[in-house]
Amino acid sequence: MTARRLHAAPERVAVTIDGEPAMLPAGESLATALLCEGHVLLRRSPRDGTPRGAFCFMGACQECAILVDGSVRQACLTPVTAGMAIELRGAP
């Protein structure tokens, strides 16, 4: 059996990720869109520096907390919109 898409692919919109231009699917959860683009590591724990990324994808764990337009947001609960400035703190 072959998998098939049930809906048309969403429009991709321009955002910046750590100051670099990127295109993400509009309306998709930011955590899912970032993961699909290869951004597994979203931040580091402020306590001990261990890597953190999206875990529960439903807002319970808060492991996906990142800066979006200068405010801390949970990426799993934040839909992608045009012009977002996303700052990941996962890079070493």
Protein backbone atom coordinates (compact mmCIF):
# COMPACT_ATOMS: atom_id res chain seq x y z
CA MET A 1 0.00 0.00 0.00
CA THR A 2 1.35 3.42 -0.92
CA ALA A 3 1.08 6.40 1.42
CA ARG A 4 -0.61 9.46 0.01
CA ARG A 5 -1.13 13.02 1.16
CA LEU A 6 -4.72 13.73 2.25
CA HIS A 7 -4.44 17.50 1.92
CA ALA A 8 -2.49 19.83 -0.30
CA ALA A 9 0.88 20.88 1.09
CA PRO A 10 0.56 24.14 3.05
CA GLU A 11 1.97 27.38 1.70
CA ARG A 12 5.53 27.98 2.85
CA VAL A 13 6.28 31.38 4.40
CA ALA A 14 9.51 33.28 5.01
CA VAL A 15 10.93 33.30 8.56
CA THR A 16 14.38 33.72 10.05
CA ILE A 17 16.09 31.08 12.16
CA ASP A 18 19.04 32.46 14.10
CA GLY A 19 19.14 35.36 11.64
CA GLU A 20 19.21 33.15 8.55
CA PRO A 21 16.29 33.14 6.07
CA ALA A 22 14.18 29.99 5.91
CA MET A 23 10.85 28.85 4.51
CA LEU A 24 8.45 26.91 6.75
CA PRO A 25 4.89 25.63 6.21
CA ALA A 26 2.33 28.21 7.34
CA GLY A 27 0.07 27.08 10.18
CA GLU A 28 2.15 24.01 11.08
CA SER A 29 3.33 23.80 14.68
CA LEU A 30 6.74 25.44 14.92
CA ALA A 31 8.18 22.38 16.69
CA THR A 32 7.09 20.06 13.87
CA ALA A 33 8.26 22.44 11.14
CA LEU A 34 11.69 22.86 12.78
CA LEU A 35 12.07 19.11 13.28
CA CYS A 36 11.20 18.46 9.62
CA GLU A 37 13.90 21.00 8.65
CA GLY A 38 16.49 19.13 10.73
CA HIS A 39 16.48 21.29 13.88
CA VAL A 40 16.34 18.54 16.52
CA LEU A 41 18.27 20.47 19.18
CA LEU A 42 16.27 23.58 20.08
CA ARG A 43 17.98 24.80 23.23
CA ARG A 44 20.21 23.80 26.12
CA SER A 45 19.11 23.42 29.72
CA PRO A 46 19.95 26.59 31.67
CA ARG A 47 20.80 24.42 34.68
CA ASP A 48 23.36 22.00 33.28
CA GLY A 49 23.66 22.69 29.54
CA THR A 50 22.17 19.39 28.42
CA PRO A 51 20.49 19.39 24.99
CA ARG A 52 16.73 19.88 24.78
CA GLY A 53 14.24 19.54 21.95
CA ALA A 54 10.56 18.90 21.34
CA PHE A 55 9.41 15.92 23.42
CA CYS A 56 5.67 15.72 24.06
CA PHE A 57 4.38 17.93 21.21
CA MET A 58 1.35 18.93 23.31
CA GLY A 59 2.62 21.66 25.66
CA ALA A 60 3.06 19.62 28.83
CA CYS A 61 6.84 19.28 29.09
CA GLN A 62 7.97 22.76 27.93
CA GLU A 63 11.21 21.30 26.53
CA CYS A 64 10.62 23.15 23.24
CA ALA A 65 10.65 26.64 24.80
CA ILE A 66 12.48 28.96 22.38
CA LEU A 67 12.59 32.66 21.55
CA VAL A 68 10.09 33.73 18.90
CA ASP A 69 9.98 37.43 18.06
CA GLY A 70 11.85 38.12 21.31
CA SER A 71 9.45 36.22 23.62
CA VAL A 72 9.79 32.73 25.07
CA ARG A 73 7.22 30.49 23.36
CA GLN A 74 6.53 26.78 23.34
CA ALA A 75 7.30 25.74 19.77
CA CYS A 76 4.78 22.88 19.86
CA LEU A 77 1.91 25.30 20.58
CA THR A 78 3.02 28.08 18.24
CA PRO A 79 1.81 28.03 14.62
CA VAL A 80 4.23 29.14 11.93
CA THR A 81 3.44 32.62 10.59
CA ALA A 82 5.20 34.77 8.01
CA GLY A 83 8.03 36.94 9.29
CA MET A 84 8.72 35.09 12.54
CA ALA A 85 12.18 35.66 14.04
CA ILE A 86 13.10 32.33 15.65
CA GLU A 87 16.13 32.02 17.92
CA LEU A 88 17.35 28.54 18.78
CA ARG A 89 19.68 28.19 21.69
CA GLY A 90 20.64 24.61 20.92
CA ALA A 91 23.80 25.31 18.98
CA PRO A 92 27.02 24.78 20.95
